[in-house]
Protein backbone atom coordinates (compact mmCIF):
# COMPACT_ATOMS: atom_id res chain seq x y z
CA MET A 1 74.63 -73.32 -154.78
CA GLU A 2 76.50 -72.23 -157.89
CA GLU A 3 73.20 -72.24 -159.82
CA LEU A 4 71.82 -69.64 -157.38
CA LEU A 5 74.93 -67.51 -157.80
CA ALA A 6 74.66 -67.75 -161.58
CA LEU A 7 70.96 -66.86 -161.36
CA ARG A 8 71.70 -63.81 -159.22
CA HIS A 9 74.46 -62.75 -161.60
CA SER A 10 72.16 -63.09 -164.65
CA LEU A 11 69.41 -61.12 -162.96
CA GLU A 12 71.80 -58.37 -161.86
CA LEU A 13 73.02 -58.03 -165.42
CA GLY A 14 69.48 -58.01 -166.78
CA ARG A 15 70.08 -61.26 -168.75
CA TYR A 16 66.60 -62.62 -168.17
CA ASP A 17 66.75 -65.27 -170.87
CA ASP A 18 69.85 -66.73 -169.20
CA ALA A 19 68.11 -66.51 -165.82
CA MET A 20 65.11 -68.43 -167.18
CA LEU A 21 67.42 -71.17 -168.52
CA ILE A 22 69.04 -71.50 -165.10
CA ILE A 23 65.61 -71.65 -163.42
CA ASN A 24 64.55 -74.37 -165.87
CA ASP A 25 67.72 -76.33 -165.08
CA MET A 26 67.10 -75.95 -161.33
CA GLU A 27 63.49 -77.15 -161.70
CA GLU A 28 64.66 -80.20 -163.67
CA MET A 29 67.33 -81.00 -161.04
CA ALA A 30 64.71 -80.76 -158.28
CA ARG A 31 62.31 -82.98 -160.24
CA LYS A 32 65.01 -85.59 -160.82
CA ASP A 33 65.90 -85.47 -157.14
CA LYS A 34 62.27 -86.14 -156.16
CA ILE A 35 62.02 -89.05 -158.60
CA ASN A 36 65.30 -90.48 -157.28
CA LYS A 37 63.95 -90.29 -153.71
CA ILE A 38 60.74 -92.01 -154.79
CA GLY A 39 62.83 -94.70 -156.44
CA SER A 40 64.85 -95.28 -153.29
CA PHE A 41 61.71 -95.68 -151.17
CA LEU A 42 60.31 -97.87 -153.91
CA GLU A 43 63.25 -100.21 -153.65
CA VAL A 44 62.55 -100.64 -149.93
CA LEU A 45 58.88 -101.34 -150.66
CA LEU A 46 59.73 -103.86 -153.35
CA LEU A 47 62.39 -105.53 -151.21
CA HIS A 48 59.91 -106.38 -148.47
CA LEU A 49 57.14 -107.34 -150.88
CA ILE A 50 59.55 -109.70 -152.66
CA LYS A 51 60.59 -111.30 -149.35
CA SER A 52 56.95 -111.64 -148.34
CA HIS A 53 55.95 -113.28 -151.62
CA ALA A 54 58.97 -115.57 -151.62
CA GLU A 55 58.66 -116.77 -148.04
CA ARG A 56 54.82 -116.63 -148.08
CA ARG A 57 54.78 -114.80 -144.75
CA MET A 58 54.77 -111.28 -143.41
CA THR A 59 56.58 -110.05 -140.32
CA ARG A 60 55.60 -106.98 -138.34
CA SER A 61 58.94 -105.43 -139.28
CA TRP A 62 58.24 -105.93 -142.98
CA GLN A 63 54.75 -104.51 -142.59
CA ARG A 64 56.18 -101.42 -140.93
CA SER A 65 58.82 -100.99 -143.61
CA ILE A 66 56.22 -101.40 -146.38
CA ARG A 67 53.83 -98.96 -144.72
CA ASN A 68 56.61 -96.39 -144.12
CA ALA A 69 57.90 -96.73 -147.69
CA VAL A 70 54.36 -96.22 -149.05
CA TYR A 71 53.88 -93.11 -146.92
CA ALA A 72 57.29 -91.75 -147.93
CA ILE A 73 56.57 -92.36 -151.63
CA GLN A 74 53.16 -90.68 -151.40
CA ASP A 75 54.53 -87.69 -149.49
CA THR A 76 57.52 -87.24 -151.78
CA ASN A 77 55.38 -87.62 -154.91
CA GLU A 78 53.04 -84.76 -153.99
CA ARG A 79 53.68 -81.39 -155.63
CA ASP A 80 53.05 -78.66 -153.14
CA SER A 81 52.26 -75.73 -155.40
CA ALA A 82 50.76 -77.46 -158.42
CA HIS A 83 48.54 -79.86 -156.48
CA GLY A 84 49.72 -82.70 -158.69
CA VAL A 85 52.34 -85.40 -158.58
CA TYR A 86 55.86 -85.87 -159.85
CA CYS A 87 55.06 -89.40 -161.06
CA ASP A 88 51.64 -90.39 -162.36
CA SER A 89 50.60 -94.03 -162.41
CA LEU A 90 52.39 -94.74 -165.71
CA ALA A 91 55.62 -93.12 -164.49
CA LEU A 92 55.36 -95.10 -161.26
CA GLN A 93 54.98 -98.34 -163.26
CA ASP A 94 58.09 -97.47 -165.20
CA LEU A 95 59.98 -96.66 -162.03
CA ILE A 96 58.86 -99.96 -160.48
CA LYS A 97 60.20 -101.81 -163.54
CA GLN A 98 63.47 -99.90 -163.35
CA ARG A 99 64.04 -100.51 -159.65
CA PHE A 100 62.73 -104.05 -159.42
CA HIS A 101 66.03 -105.80 -160.23
CA ARG A 102 67.91 -103.82 -157.52
CA ALA A 103 65.24 -104.74 -155.03
CA LEU A 104 65.41 -108.38 -156.10
CA GLN A 105 69.15 -108.43 -155.63
CA ASN A 106 68.81 -106.99 -152.12
CA ALA A 107 65.96 -109.35 -151.29
CA SER A 108 68.12 -112.31 -152.28
CA ASP A 109 70.54 -111.32 -149.49
CA GLU A 110 67.74 -111.41 -146.94
CA ALA A 111 65.03 -113.89 -148.02
CA PHE A 112 65.62 -117.44 -146.84
CA GLU A 113 68.68 -116.13 -145.03
CA GLY A 114 70.45 -115.43 -148.33
CA LYS A 115 70.12 -118.98 -149.60
CA TYR A 116 69.22 -117.93 -153.17
CA VAL A 117 70.81 -115.56 -155.65
CA ALA A 118 68.54 -113.05 -157.41
CA LYS A 119 67.92 -115.26 -160.46
CA GLN A 120 66.84 -118.16 -158.25
CA LEU A 121 64.64 -115.91 -156.09
CA ALA A 122 62.99 -114.58 -159.26
CA THR A 123 61.76 -118.07 -160.08
CA ILE A 124 60.13 -118.40 -156.66
CA ILE A 125 57.99 -115.25 -156.89
CA ASP A 126 55.47 -113.83 -159.31
CA ALA A 127 57.30 -110.64 -160.23
CA GLU A 128 54.25 -109.09 -161.92
CA ALA A 129 52.11 -109.70 -158.85
CA VAL A 130 54.73 -107.97 -156.69
CA LYS A 131 54.83 -104.98 -159.07
CA VAL A 132 51.06 -104.72 -159.20
CA GLN A 133 50.82 -104.89 -155.42
CA ALA A 134 53.48 -102.18 -155.03
CA LEU A 135 51.63 -99.87 -157.41
CA ASP A 136 48.32 -100.57 -155.68
CA TYR A 137 49.77 -99.67 -152.27
CA ILE A 138 51.25 -96.45 -153.64
CA LEU A 139 48.06 -95.36 -155.36
CA ASN A 140 45.54 -96.59 -152.79
CA GLY A 141 47.52 -96.73 -149.56
CA TYR A 142 48.66 -99.59 -147.38
CA PRO A 143 45.55 -101.45 -146.20
CA GLU A 144 44.78 -100.90 -142.52
CA SER A 145 43.63 -104.52 -142.16
CA GLU A 146 47.15 -105.81 -142.86
CA ASP A 147 48.57 -104.18 -139.72
């Protein structure tokens, strides 16, 4: 809110260079917020994919969570006015790498009823396969046949 007040003040005083700097800061904050939201949904997606790979099964609840996370990521990633995305495939790959460990930690609490810590769970799964599958679902959608 204070950014809007500062913007108004700069415009009222005719300080357009200052106003543009504030607008740039606001755009960057909004972009970071979108990427953070994508990352949060990505953690949910990865959590359930990790559990599925580890336990070699898929529950309806996990399917629903994966599908909903994919939809949320796709929706959040779309830029309304520019008809583009906030994160292209390379940025998504980087975000998957960044958020994977958090998802693994959370999955270790749930997979096999919390029997393994994250390091142990990591040895049970093919982390790269999970990451590739997550990216594929985001870019190409959750397959209808898996419902």
